[in-house]
Protein backbone atom coordinates (compact mmCIF):
# COMPACT_ATOMS: atom_id res chain seq x y z
CA MET A 1 -0.38 -0.13 0.35
CA LYS A 2 1.33 3.28 -0.89
CA GLY A 3 0.25 6.53 0.45
CA ARG A 4 2.11 10.33 1.00
CA GLY A 5 4.84 11.01 3.47
CA THR A 6 4.37 13.31 5.72
CA SER A 7 6.47 12.96 8.53
CA ASN A 8 10.38 11.81 7.79
CA GLY A 9 10.85 8.42 9.97
CA ILE A 10 10.21 4.40 10.24
CA GLY A 11 7.00 3.85 12.26
CA ILE A 12 6.68 -0.10 12.76
CA GLY A 13 3.80 -1.31 15.52
CA ARG A 14 0.13 -2.36 16.24
CA ILE A 15 -3.03 -0.39 14.79
CA LEU A 16 -5.11 1.63 16.84
CA VAL A 17 -8.16 2.25 14.82
CA TYR A 18 -9.71 5.60 15.40
CA ASN A 19 -13.27 6.27 15.11
CA GLN A 20 -14.16 9.31 16.29
CA PRO A 21 -18.55 9.40 16.47
CA GLU A 22 -20.05 10.89 13.79
CA ILE A 23 -21.36 14.83 13.92
CA LYS A 24 -24.88 14.59 12.77
CA ILE A 25 -26.42 18.10 12.30
CA SER A 26 -30.72 18.29 12.42
CA LYS A 27 -32.13 21.68 12.22
CA TYR A 28 -35.09 22.64 14.13
CA ASN A 29 -36.73 25.89 15.38
CA ILE A 30 -36.05 27.04 18.88
CA LYS A 31 -38.32 28.36 21.82
CA SER A 32 -36.11 31.08 22.64
CA LYS A 33 -33.36 33.26 20.80
CA ASN A 34 -31.84 33.97 24.47
CA GLU A 35 -31.72 30.47 25.29
CA GLU A 36 -30.04 29.31 22.87
CA LEU A 37 -27.93 32.44 22.69
CA ILE A 38 -26.58 31.46 25.75
CA ARG A 39 -26.48 27.69 25.28
CA LEU A 40 -24.12 29.34 22.30
CA ASP A 41 -21.89 31.14 24.52
CA SER A 42 -21.44 28.79 27.26
CA ALA A 43 -20.38 26.09 24.12
CA ILE A 44 -18.10 28.86 23.08
CA ASP A 45 -16.40 29.30 26.95
CA LYS A 46 -16.03 25.40 27.44
CA ALA A 47 -14.08 25.39 24.08
CA MET A 48 -11.60 27.73 24.88
CA GLU A 49 -10.79 26.11 28.38
CA GLU A 50 -10.33 22.82 26.10
CA ILE A 51 -8.04 24.86 23.46
CA ASP A 52 -6.04 26.50 26.32
CA ASN A 53 -5.11 23.09 27.83
CA ILE A 54 -4.95 21.61 24.48
CA TYR A 55 -2.08 24.18 23.98
CA ASN A 56 -0.58 23.85 26.91
CA LYS A 57 0.40 20.12 26.25
CA ALA A 58 1.63 20.91 22.86
CA LEU A 59 4.15 23.48 24.14
CA VAL A 60 5.56 20.74 26.04
CA ASP A 61 5.42 18.59 23.22
CA ALA A 62 5.54 19.84 19.98
CA GLY A 63 6.81 23.74 21.23
CA THR A 64 6.05 27.02 21.13
CA LYS A 65 5.72 27.44 17.63
CA GLU A 66 3.26 24.53 16.48
CA ALA A 67 1.70 25.83 19.99
CA GLU A 68 0.34 28.77 18.64
CA ILE A 69 -1.98 26.61 16.32
CA PHE A 70 -4.16 26.38 18.87
CA PHE A 71 -4.09 30.76 19.52
CA ALA A 72 -5.49 30.94 15.61
CA HIS A 73 -8.25 28.23 17.40
CA LYS A 74 -8.93 30.22 19.72
CA MET A 75 -9.09 33.26 16.51
CA PHE A 76 -11.78 32.01 15.26
CA LEU A 77 -13.78 32.07 19.03
CA GLU A 78 -13.27 35.80 19.31
CA ASP A 79 -13.64 36.18 15.17
CA PRO A 80 -16.57 38.43 15.63
CA GLU A 81 -17.40 37.99 11.79
CA TYR A 82 -17.53 33.85 13.08
CA ILE A 83 -19.22 34.30 16.11
CA MET A 84 -21.62 37.21 14.75
CA GLY A 85 -22.50 35.20 12.09
CA ILE A 86 -23.85 32.04 13.75
CA LYS A 87 -25.61 34.44 16.42
CA ASP A 88 -27.30 36.50 13.62
CA LYS A 89 -28.71 32.48 11.97
CA ILE A 90 -29.99 32.27 15.42
CA LYS A 91 -31.38 35.31 15.97
CA THR A 92 -33.06 36.21 12.17
CA ASP A 93 -33.65 32.54 11.32
CA GLY A 94 -34.80 30.81 14.62
CA ILE A 95 -32.78 27.88 14.17
CA ASN A 96 -29.79 25.84 16.70
CA SER A 97 -27.18 26.78 17.20
CA GLU A 98 -25.47 23.33 15.74
CA TRP A 99 -27.39 24.71 11.83
CA ALA A 100 -25.75 27.87 12.23
CA ILE A 101 -22.58 26.92 13.34
CA ASP A 102 -22.71 24.91 9.90
CA GLN A 103 -23.61 27.77 7.47
CA ALA A 104 -21.57 30.19 9.63
CA THR A 105 -18.27 27.67 8.93
CA GLU A 106 -19.12 27.38 5.26
CA TYR A 107 -18.42 30.60 3.66
CA PHE A 108 -14.89 30.76 5.84
CA ILE A 109 -13.78 26.77 3.89
CA ALA A 110 -15.38 29.10 0.31
CA VAL A 111 -12.50 31.63 0.61
CA PHE A 112 -9.68 28.84 1.01
CA GLU A 113 -10.86 25.26 -0.61
CA ASP A 114 -10.24 27.09 -3.55
CA ILE A 115 -7.29 28.03 -3.47
CA GLU A 116 -4.50 25.76 -4.79
CA ASP A 117 -2.01 26.81 -1.78
CA ASP A 118 -1.26 23.83 0.28
CA TYR A 119 -0.07 25.94 2.74
CA ILE A 120 -3.20 27.68 3.22
CA ARG A 121 -6.16 24.89 1.81
CA GLY A 122 -4.45 23.02 5.09
CA ARG A 123 -6.57 26.05 7.00
CA ILE A 124 -9.49 24.45 5.96
CA ASN A 125 -9.06 21.72 8.16
CA ASP A 126 -8.54 24.35 11.39
CA ILE A 127 -11.62 25.71 10.55
CA LYS A 128 -13.48 22.70 10.66
CA ASP A 129 -11.94 21.72 13.76
CA VAL A 130 -13.13 24.41 16.36
CA SER A 131 -16.49 24.33 14.40
CA GLU A 132 -16.90 20.60 15.23
CA ARG A 133 -15.23 20.93 18.57
CA LEU A 134 -18.66 23.37 19.28
CA GLN A 135 -21.15 21.35 18.04
CA ARG A 136 -19.66 18.17 19.99
CA ILE A 137 -19.81 20.46 22.99
CA LEU A 138 -23.46 21.00 22.01
CA LEU A 139 -24.33 17.87 21.36
CA GLY A 140 -22.57 16.11 24.75
CA ILE A 141 -20.48 14.19 22.65
CA GLU A 142 -17.01 12.88 24.09
CA PHE A 143 -13.83 13.47 23.06
CA LYS A 144 -11.30 10.45 22.14
CA ASP A 145 -8.86 9.75 25.20
CA PHE A 146 -5.21 9.12 23.67
CA SER A 147 -3.60 9.07 27.22
CA ASN A 148 -4.24 5.12 28.30
CA ILE A 149 -2.79 4.18 24.62
CA LYS A 150 0.35 1.75 24.81
CA LYS A 151 3.34 2.02 23.71
CA GLY A 152 4.50 0.93 19.98
CA THR A 153 0.85 2.39 18.97
CA ILE A 154 0.65 3.48 15.29
CA ILE A 155 -2.81 5.59 14.94
CA VAL A 156 -4.68 4.52 11.60
CA ALA A 157 -8.12 6.97 10.72
CA LYS A 158 -10.23 8.36 8.29
CA ASP A 159 -7.91 12.30 9.08
CA LEU A 160 -7.33 13.43 12.65
CA ALA A 161 -7.79 17.23 13.75
CA PRO A 162 -4.77 19.35 14.56
CA SER A 163 -6.30 19.05 18.20
CA ASP A 164 -6.66 15.31 17.84
CA THR A 165 -3.06 14.90 17.76
CA ALA A 166 -1.78 18.16 19.80
CA GLN A 167 -3.44 14.90 22.29
CA ILE A 168 -1.22 12.19 21.52
CA ASN A 169 1.14 10.89 23.79
CA LYS A 170 4.78 10.53 21.52
CA GLU A 171 5.81 9.00 24.02
CA MET A 172 3.04 5.83 23.63
CA VAL A 173 2.34 6.25 19.31
CA ALA A 174 5.18 5.55 17.15
CA GLY A 175 3.30 6.50 13.68
CA ILE A 176 0.10 8.44 11.75
CA VAL A 177 -1.28 6.72 9.25
CA THR A 178 -4.62 8.82 7.66
CA GLU A 179 -6.90 8.26 4.85
CA LYS A 180 -6.90 12.59 4.38
CA GLY A 181 -4.45 15.55 4.93
CA GLY A 182 -1.43 16.86 3.30
CA ARG A 183 1.75 18.07 4.38
CA THR A 184 1.35 21.01 4.64
CA SER A 185 -2.13 20.77 7.22
CA HIS A 186 -1.12 21.53 10.48
CA THR A 187 -1.45 17.84 11.55
CA SER A 188 1.08 16.89 9.62
CA ILE A 189 3.30 19.99 11.49
CA LEU A 190 2.37 18.93 14.70
CA ALA A 191 3.40 15.28 13.84
CA ARG A 192 6.55 16.15 12.85
CA SER A 193 8.06 18.86 15.74
CA MET A 194 6.40 15.54 18.36
CA ASN A 195 9.41 13.33 15.39
CA ILE A 196 6.08 10.95 14.69
CA PRO A 197 6.14 9.08 11.44
CA SER A 198 3.03 9.89 9.16
CA VAL A 199 1.46 8.59 5.76
CA CYS A 200 -1.53 10.37 4.64
CA GLY A 201 -3.87 9.55 1.01
CA VAL A 202 -3.99 6.26 1.76
CA ALA A 203 -7.24 5.70 0.47
CA GLY A 204 -9.65 3.00 2.77
CA ILE A 205 -7.21 1.95 5.02
CA VAL A 206 -9.54 1.98 7.94
CA ASP A 207 -11.37 -0.56 6.96
CA MET A 208 -9.06 -2.65 6.37
CA VAL A 209 -7.53 -2.47 9.13
CA LYS A 210 -8.30 -3.70 12.69
CA ASP A 211 -7.25 -2.55 16.41
CA GLY A 212 -3.87 -4.80 17.10
CA ASP A 213 -3.33 -5.97 13.44
CA CYS A 214 1.22 -5.28 13.05
CA ILE A 215 1.32 -1.99 10.60
CA ILE A 216 4.89 -0.63 9.38
CA ILE A 217 4.40 2.87 7.49
CA ASN A 218 7.36 5.04 6.15
CA GLY A 219 7.21 8.82 6.47
CA PHE A 220 9.58 9.29 3.37
CA ASN A 221 7.56 7.91 1.09
CA GLY A 222 4.59 6.66 2.32
CA GLU A 223 4.84 3.19 1.75
CA ILE A 224 2.60 0.80 4.66
CA VAL A 225 3.30 -2.35 4.97
CA LEU A 226 0.44 -4.51 6.67
CA ASN A 227 1.14 -7.78 8.64
CA PRO A 228 4.33 -8.31 7.54
CA THR A 229 6.91 -11.02 7.99
CA GLU A 230 9.48 -11.23 10.24
CA ASP A 231 12.02 -10.68 7.56
CA GLY A 232 10.36 -7.91 7.09
CA VAL A 233 10.19 -5.86 10.60
CA LEU A 234 13.72 -6.70 10.43
CA GLN A 235 14.63 -4.87 7.49
CA TYR A 236 12.72 -1.91 8.02
CA LYS A 237 14.45 -2.15 12.04
CA ARG A 238 17.15 -1.73 10.30
CA LYS A 239 16.54 0.96 8.27
CA LYS A 240 15.00 2.94 11.09
CA LYS A 241 18.54 2.86 12.84
CA ASP A 242 20.03 4.14 9.76
CA TYR A 243 17.73 7.31 9.41
CA GLU A 244 19.06 7.80 12.63
CA MET A 245 22.09 8.05 11.96
CA LYS A 246 21.65 10.32 8.77
CA LYS A 247 19.57 12.74 11.35
CA GLN A 248 22.30 13.68 13.25
CA LYS A 249 23.92 14.58 10.04
CA LEU A 250 21.78 16.85 8.97
CA GLU A 251 21.96 18.42 12.74
CA GLY A 252 25.91 18.69 12.22
CA MET A 253 24.25 20.97 8.89
CA ARG A 254 23.33 23.54 11.34
CA GLY A 255 25.56 26.68 11.23
CA ALA A 256 27.78 25.45 8.48
CA LYS A 257 27.72 27.44 5.14
CA SER A 258 25.67 26.71 2.78
CA ILE A 259 28.76 25.56 0.32
CA SER A 260 29.61 22.84 -2.64
CA LYS A 261 32.57 19.96 -2.36
CA ASP A 262 34.55 22.15 -4.74
CA GLY A 263 34.07 26.19 -3.07
CA PHE A 264 31.04 26.90 -4.97
CA THR A 265 28.71 28.72 -2.23
CA VAL A 266 25.05 29.23 -2.47
CA GLU A 267 21.95 30.64 -0.15
CA LEU A 268 19.37 28.68 1.43
CA ALA A 269 16.25 30.48 2.07
CA GLY A 270 12.92 29.55 2.85
CA ASN A 271 9.40 29.90 1.68
CA ILE A 272 6.64 31.79 3.98
CA GLY A 273 3.25 32.02 3.52
CA THR A 274 3.02 33.71 7.28
CA ILE A 275 4.92 36.31 9.83
CA ASP A 276 4.97 32.93 12.43
CA ASP A 277 6.45 30.68 8.83
CA ILE A 278 9.73 32.62 10.06
CA ASP A 279 10.76 31.58 13.17
CA LYS A 280 10.34 27.42 11.15
CA VAL A 281 13.30 29.25 8.72
CA ILE A 282 15.81 30.67 11.50
CA GLU A 283 14.84 27.00 13.35
CA ASN A 284 15.83 25.19 10.32
CA ASP A 285 19.16 27.58 9.70
CA GLY A 286 17.41 29.19 6.96
CA GLU A 287 19.67 32.45 5.36
CA GLY A 288 17.00 34.77 4.69
CA VAL A 289 13.08 34.27 3.28
CA GLY A 290 12.96 33.92 -0.21
CA LEU A 291 9.56 34.07 -0.70
CA PHE A 292 7.20 36.28 1.45
CA ARG A 293 3.61 35.07 0.17
CA THR A 294 1.80 38.80 1.43
CA GLU A 295 -1.96 37.03 0.20
CA PHE A 296 -2.50 36.04 3.94
CA LEU A 297 -2.75 39.72 4.77
CA TYR A 298 -5.91 39.54 2.47
CA LEU A 299 -7.35 36.01 2.67
CA TYR A 300 -7.99 36.66 6.34
CA ASN A 301 -9.61 39.97 6.19
CA ASN A 302 -12.99 40.56 5.14
CA LYS A 303 -12.06 43.97 3.98
CA LEU A 304 -8.83 45.52 2.07
CA PRO A 305 -6.17 45.72 4.82
CA THR A 306 -4.95 49.21 5.25
CA GLU A 307 -1.28 50.48 4.59
CA GLU A 308 -0.99 50.24 8.48
CA GLU A 309 -1.34 46.84 9.16
CA GLN A 310 0.35 45.79 5.66
CA PHE A 311 3.02 47.62 7.24
CA ASN A 312 3.51 46.27 10.29
CA ALA A 313 3.26 42.67 9.56
CA TYR A 314 6.36 43.22 6.76
CA LYS A 315 8.16 45.20 9.85
CA THR A 316 7.91 42.48 12.29
CA ALA A 317 8.83 40.45 9.74
CA ALA A 318 11.87 42.28 8.86
CA ALA A 319 12.75 42.89 12.59
CA LYS A 320 12.45 38.37 13.06
CA LEU A 321 14.76 37.92 10.29
CA GLY A 322 17.49 40.85 10.95
CA ASN A 323 20.16 41.20 7.82
CA ARG A 324 18.74 38.08 6.36
CA PRO A 325 16.82 38.78 3.13
CA LEU A 326 13.34 39.06 3.02
CA ILE A 327 11.90 39.29 -0.58
CA ILE A 328 7.91 40.13 -0.47
CA ARG A 329 6.21 38.94 -3.86
CA THR A 330 3.24 41.41 -3.96
CA LEU A 331 -0.45 40.78 -3.76
CA ASP A 332 -0.48 37.37 -6.47
CA VAL A 333 -4.04 37.20 -6.66
CA GLY A 334 -6.40 35.73 -8.59
CA GLY A 335 -6.18 32.33 -10.24
CA ASP A 336 -6.63 29.39 -7.34
CA LYS A 337 -6.48 32.33 -4.65
CA GLU A 338 -10.27 33.89 -5.20
CA ILE A 339 -10.76 36.82 -2.66
CA PRO A 340 -14.58 37.48 -2.66
CA TYR A 341 -14.59 41.27 -1.00
CA LEU A 342 -12.41 41.79 -4.26
CA ASN A 343 -15.29 41.34 -6.27
CA ILE A 344 -12.90 39.52 -9.29
CA PRO A 345 -15.17 37.98 -11.96
CA HIS A 346 -15.58 34.05 -12.39
CA GLU A 347 -12.88 32.76 -15.52
CA LEU A 348 -12.93 30.12 -17.61
CA ASN A 349 -9.26 29.81 -17.90
CA PRO A 350 -8.30 31.97 -14.15
CA PHE A 351 -4.03 30.40 -13.98
CA LEU A 352 -4.38 32.42 -17.30
CA GLY A 353 -7.09 35.05 -16.82
CA TYR A 354 -7.32 38.26 -14.48
CA ARG A 355 -4.45 37.69 -11.47
CA ALA A 356 -1.21 38.73 -9.97
CA ILE A 357 0.18 42.23 -11.47
CA ARG A 358 -1.94 41.80 -13.76
CA TYR A 359 -5.15 42.76 -11.52
CA CYS A 360 -2.57 45.36 -9.79
CA LEU A 361 -1.53 47.31 -12.69
CA ASP A 362 -5.34 47.08 -12.66
CA ASN A 363 -5.67 48.92 -9.58
CA PRO A 364 -2.98 51.12 -8.46
CA GLY A 365 -4.39 51.84 -5.31
CA ILE A 366 -4.49 48.95 -3.86
CA PHE A 367 -1.25 48.00 -5.36
CA LYS A 368 0.71 51.53 -4.11
CA THR A 369 -0.53 51.49 -0.23
CA GLN A 370 1.19 47.59 -0.58
CA LEU A 371 4.18 49.40 -2.11
CA ARG A 372 4.46 52.04 0.56
CA ALA A 373 4.23 49.87 2.80
CA ILE A 374 6.95 47.32 1.95
CA LEU A 375 9.38 50.16 1.60
CA ARG A 376 8.27 52.53 4.72
CA ALA A 377 9.39 48.71 6.44
CA SER A 378 12.48 48.33 4.06
CA SER A 379 14.12 50.77 7.27
CA TYR A 380 13.73 48.35 9.42
CA GLY A 381 15.27 45.19 7.78
CA ASN A 382 16.66 43.30 4.04
CA ILE A 383 13.69 44.27 1.78
CA LYS A 384 13.44 43.12 -1.24
CA ILE A 385 10.51 43.49 -3.33
CA MET A 386 9.73 41.30 -5.97
CA PHE A 387 6.46 41.04 -8.75
CA PRO A 388 4.56 38.27 -9.50
CA MET A 389 2.80 36.76 -13.06
CA ILE A 390 5.31 39.44 -14.77
CA SER A 391 4.94 38.60 -18.89
CA SER A 392 5.90 41.79 -21.00
CA LEU A 393 8.71 44.74 -20.21
CA GLU A 394 5.91 47.17 -20.07
CA GLU A 395 4.59 45.27 -16.90
CA LEU A 396 7.89 45.74 -15.65
CA ARG A 397 8.29 48.88 -16.13
CA GLU A 398 4.91 50.16 -15.71
CA SER A 399 5.28 48.64 -11.90
CA LYS A 400 8.44 50.31 -11.56
CA LYS A 401 6.83 53.71 -12.41
CA LEU A 402 4.07 53.02 -9.76
CA LEU A 403 6.89 51.72 -7.25
CA GLU A 404 8.39 54.98 -7.61
CA GLU A 405 5.65 56.89 -7.31
CA ALA A 406 4.88 55.20 -3.77
CA LYS A 407 8.67 56.04 -3.46
CA SER A 408 7.57 60.25 -3.88
CA GLU A 409 4.73 59.90 -1.87
CA LEU A 410 6.81 58.76 1.22
CA LYS A 411 9.27 61.57 0.92
CA ILE A 412 6.48 63.92 1.08
CA GLY A 413 4.66 62.30 3.73
CA GLY A 414 8.27 62.79 5.57
CA PHE A 415 8.72 58.22 5.98
CA LYS A 416 12.34 57.07 6.29
CA PHE A 417 12.68 53.82 2.68
CA ASN A 418 15.90 51.94 1.70
CA GLU A 419 15.72 54.42 -1.51
CA TYR A 420 17.39 51.65 -3.24
CA ILE A 421 16.04 48.40 -2.27
CA GLU A 422 16.78 45.85 -4.57
CA VAL A 423 13.17 45.14 -7.46
CA GLY A 424 13.60 41.61 -9.00
CA ILE A 425 10.68 39.70 -10.98
CA MET A 426 9.38 36.08 -10.50
CA VAL A 427 9.94 34.02 -13.81
CA GLU A 428 7.36 31.77 -14.33
CA ILE A 429 5.89 32.00 -17.81
CA PRO A 430 8.28 30.83 -20.17
CA ALA A 431 8.35 33.85 -22.98
CA VAL A 432 10.18 35.75 -20.28
CA ALA A 433 12.41 32.65 -19.61
CA ILE A 434 13.14 32.83 -23.24
CA HIS A 435 13.50 36.56 -23.48
CA SER A 436 15.58 36.89 -20.11
CA ARG A 437 18.47 38.61 -20.82
CA GLN A 438 16.95 41.92 -22.19
CA PHE A 439 14.42 41.71 -18.43
CA ALA A 440 17.57 40.86 -16.72
CA LYS A 441 18.44 44.83 -17.50
CA GLU A 442 15.90 46.31 -16.05
CA VAL A 443 15.73 44.38 -12.15
CA ASP A 444 18.21 43.94 -9.79
CA PHE A 445 17.30 39.70 -9.44
CA PHE A 446 15.76 36.99 -10.79
CA SER A 447 13.46 34.24 -8.62
CA ILE A 448 12.01 31.13 -10.97
CA GLY A 449 9.57 29.74 -9.94
CA THR A 450 9.16 26.78 -11.18
CA ASN A 451 5.71 25.57 -10.25
CA ASP A 452 3.75 27.30 -12.69
CA LEU A 453 6.86 27.80 -14.97
CA ILE A 454 5.98 23.90 -15.31
CA GLN A 455 2.67 24.23 -16.00
CA TYR A 456 2.94 26.95 -18.30
CA THR A 457 5.64 24.71 -20.44
CA LEU A 458 4.23 21.68 -20.84
CA ALA A 459 0.57 22.85 -20.67
CA VAL A 460 -0.57 21.09 -17.82
CA ASP A 461 -3.38 22.62 -15.00
CA ARG A 462 -1.24 21.53 -12.41
CA GLY A 463 -4.57 20.82 -9.90
CA ASN A 464 -6.02 18.76 -12.16
CA GLN A 465 -5.35 14.81 -11.14
CA GLU A 466 -6.34 13.58 -14.60
CA ILE A 467 -3.21 14.45 -15.98
CA SER A 468 -0.72 15.38 -13.20
CA TYR A 469 0.63 12.47 -14.66
CA LEU A 470 2.86 15.10 -17.21
CA TYR A 471 3.57 17.73 -15.16
CA ASN A 472 7.42 16.97 -14.97
CA GLN A 473 10.30 19.43 -13.19
CA PHE A 474 12.18 16.86 -15.57
CA HIS A 475 11.37 17.46 -18.43
CA PRO A 476 14.27 18.83 -21.10
CA ALA A 477 11.92 21.70 -21.69
CA VAL A 478 11.37 23.42 -18.35
CA LEU A 479 15.81 22.47 -17.29
CA SER A 480 16.71 24.26 -20.75
CA LEU A 481 14.51 27.25 -19.89
CA ILE A 482 16.03 27.34 -15.49
CA MET A 483 19.53 26.91 -17.66
CA THR A 484 18.55 29.88 -19.80
CA THR A 485 17.12 32.17 -17.53
CA ILE A 486 20.15 31.13 -15.15
CA GLU A 487 22.90 32.40 -17.98
CA ASN A 488 20.77 35.52 -18.89
CA GLY A 489 20.86 36.95 -15.20
CA HIS A 490 24.34 36.50 -14.62
CA LYS A 491 25.24 38.19 -18.45
CA GLU A 492 23.41 40.84 -16.76
CA GLY A 493 25.15 41.22 -13.73
CA ILE A 494 22.41 40.11 -11.71
CA TRP A 495 21.52 37.23 -9.15
CA VAL A 496 19.06 34.15 -10.13
CA GLY A 497 16.80 32.05 -7.17
CA MET A 498 14.46 30.02 -7.15
CA CYS A 499 11.14 29.52 -4.97
CA GLY A 500 9.47 26.78 -6.37
CA GLU A 501 8.95 23.66 -5.01
CA MET A 502 11.89 22.22 -7.43
CA ALA A 503 14.50 24.15 -5.71
CA GLY A 504 13.67 21.73 -2.63
CA ASP A 505 13.81 18.48 -4.57
CA GLU A 506 16.86 16.44 -3.67
CA ARG A 507 17.12 14.51 -6.88
CA LEU A 508 18.22 17.91 -9.11
CA ILE A 509 19.55 19.81 -6.45
CA PRO A 510 23.19 18.95 -7.96
CA VAL A 511 21.64 19.85 -11.18
CA LEU A 512 20.67 23.58 -10.64
CA LEU A 513 23.94 23.75 -7.92
CA ALA A 514 25.59 22.92 -11.41
CA MET A 515 23.54 25.64 -13.74
CA GLY A 516 25.15 28.10 -10.89
CA LEU A 517 21.51 29.33 -9.27
CA ASP A 518 22.53 31.44 -6.60
CA GLU A 519 19.57 31.01 -4.42
CA PHE A 520 17.36 28.49 -3.50
CA SER A 521 14.64 28.72 -1.51
CA MET A 522 12.34 25.90 -0.39
CA ASN A 523 9.96 25.11 2.68
CA PRO A 524 11.75 25.56 5.75
CA TRP A 525 12.07 21.83 6.96
CA SER A 526 13.89 21.20 3.50
CA ILE A 527 16.92 23.29 4.00
CA LEU A 528 19.29 21.49 6.38
CA LYS A 529 19.30 18.61 3.72
CA ALA A 530 20.03 20.44 0.87
CA ARG A 531 23.00 22.19 2.28
CA TYR A 532 23.61 18.19 3.07
CA ILE A 533 23.24 17.77 -0.27
CA ILE A 534 25.38 20.88 -1.77
CA SER A 535 28.07 20.11 0.98
CA ASN A 536 28.69 16.51 -0.72
CA THR A 537 28.01 17.70 -4.43
CA ASN A 538 31.17 18.57 -6.31
CA ARG A 539 29.76 21.38 -7.97
CA ASP A 540 32.59 21.50 -11.40
CA GLU A 541 31.91 17.80 -12.28
CA VAL A 542 28.11 17.87 -12.29
CA ARG A 543 28.80 20.85 -15.12
CA ALA A 544 30.72 18.74 -16.68
CA LYS A 545 27.50 16.42 -17.65
CA LEU A 546 25.07 19.40 -18.30
CA ASP A 547 25.45 19.46 -22.43
CA HIS A 548 24.76 15.82 -22.09
CA ILE A 549 21.72 15.76 -19.19
CA LEU A 550 19.95 18.99 -21.24
CA ASN A 551 20.18 16.88 -24.22
CA LEU A 552 18.55 13.61 -23.58
CA PRO A 553 14.70 13.56 -25.07
CA THR A 554 13.21 12.50 -22.42
CA ALA A 555 12.31 13.14 -18.57
CA ARG A 556 12.68 9.44 -17.69
CA ASP A 557 15.79 9.39 -19.55
CA ILE A 558 16.66 12.37 -17.36
CA GLU A 559 15.80 11.20 -13.88
CA GLU A 560 17.32 8.14 -14.63
CA TYR A 561 21.05 9.66 -15.78
CA LEU A 562 20.77 11.44 -12.81
CA HIS A 563 20.29 8.34 -11.09
CA GLU A 564 22.60 6.08 -12.06
CA ASN A 565 25.12 9.23 -13.03
CA ILE A 566 25.09 11.71 -9.84
CA LEU A 567 22.84 10.25 -6.60
CA LYS A 568 23.98 6.93 -6.61
CA TYR A 569 27.31 7.81 -5.62
CA MET A 570 26.35 10.68 -3.23
CA ASP A 571 25.72 9.92 0.85
CA ILE A 572 21.99 11.97 0.35
CA VAL A 573 20.70 11.61 3.63
């Protein structure tokens, strides 16, 4: 059996099937609205108390940063729009609290559900967790108690809420397997912080197993072995011991330079979606932030964030990083990121439509508000500005013109800012990669956004499961465009980074290093591993093979060549 590994490690143990009692909600008319509101307030108070207890346990077991997940849960319970949405339903429709909670929750889920960004979509589980907690309290349903399970237990469930995971006794649980979930969900984040191996996306497993069955899970590749043989158990015990030794090697990378065996130095940075994520970059010894997605300021709001709100967010982020670079991507709305109050019309093909810089240039007031906020924050750290979805020099020049206007407005207002702030673009459209020599003359840096570059180069909707097999980072055309972009950037004297998922792909890091990529920005938890791979790579040796690699006819040929001629001879942990 196979799923998706979401927390590294090998788990060997006995199954405990977790079946949380199903919540069945019925709609009915209430006799007294005032009594129903009192009933709801009582449930909110109890939920607050329970979340506080979960926070205190997570603080000990998972750490300060992960425990703060449950502040987000409290924020939902304190969010006037959410709570008033529930109460308004009770008052106007005369319905029960459980049903009103369902109605209010639907709006929040709708905002996040169609967003392709895994991190943001992962917040749906937090919203559901909070609403279901309220409903269970109202219905008098007891929560599952994980405190008395046996050592070596592997929990198998359809899904686990973050609050379920936080209450797990990490000394007793050897692994987690779920049918749903993803790597960036808070449940997976908690599992990683507690060093519990986990695998998600294992369809139908709950119906295939029973309590007490023996199981092995591989949190690296998502492999599941049910009722293994004695030899199978011994084999995985050896793998587990090997992994523990490799973890020690990665820890040895903390504080080390990101430098190849033959002395080529690069920068390893992290991609973040919120200010809190900066702590993960720092914890994983990142050398900066290569992509700060600012959409969270808009998505978590029911109105446009003000200049002051944005300034405070960017200032806080810069202060956390100190002298380390913070690359702020301007608003990338549209496509898979729908923000209701912006009233962006529905499109048949939103990824090729009214999104990112196209929306911002069409709404200069919104755009300049953000630019002024970023500029003001630039006095407090090493901030750089990056424009997304640029497809023409005209768009770039218009964006820079508005940036200059924002600078002039700040000067008139007497605000301090870094007048020489670096400005770059995301290279995520093939036309820009092909024409990158000209773009490089007008910016300070490139950051290659491989998620969209692959999508547009191969004409593959990366969210479409039917054709997902066509979405391939090893495709020779994709690698050629990346090489062209790096070479053209260097010819014009600018540095070139990468902020797509490809930057953290251990199979391609040696190739990107050989191409001359200056900065790799990735999920924070991949940073130490990337540094280890770079430290074990001879850049010039791989560079000598580049022409042959780029001239191989298919993606499979390239992947096989890399494995047989480069990766096989490296000590990749």
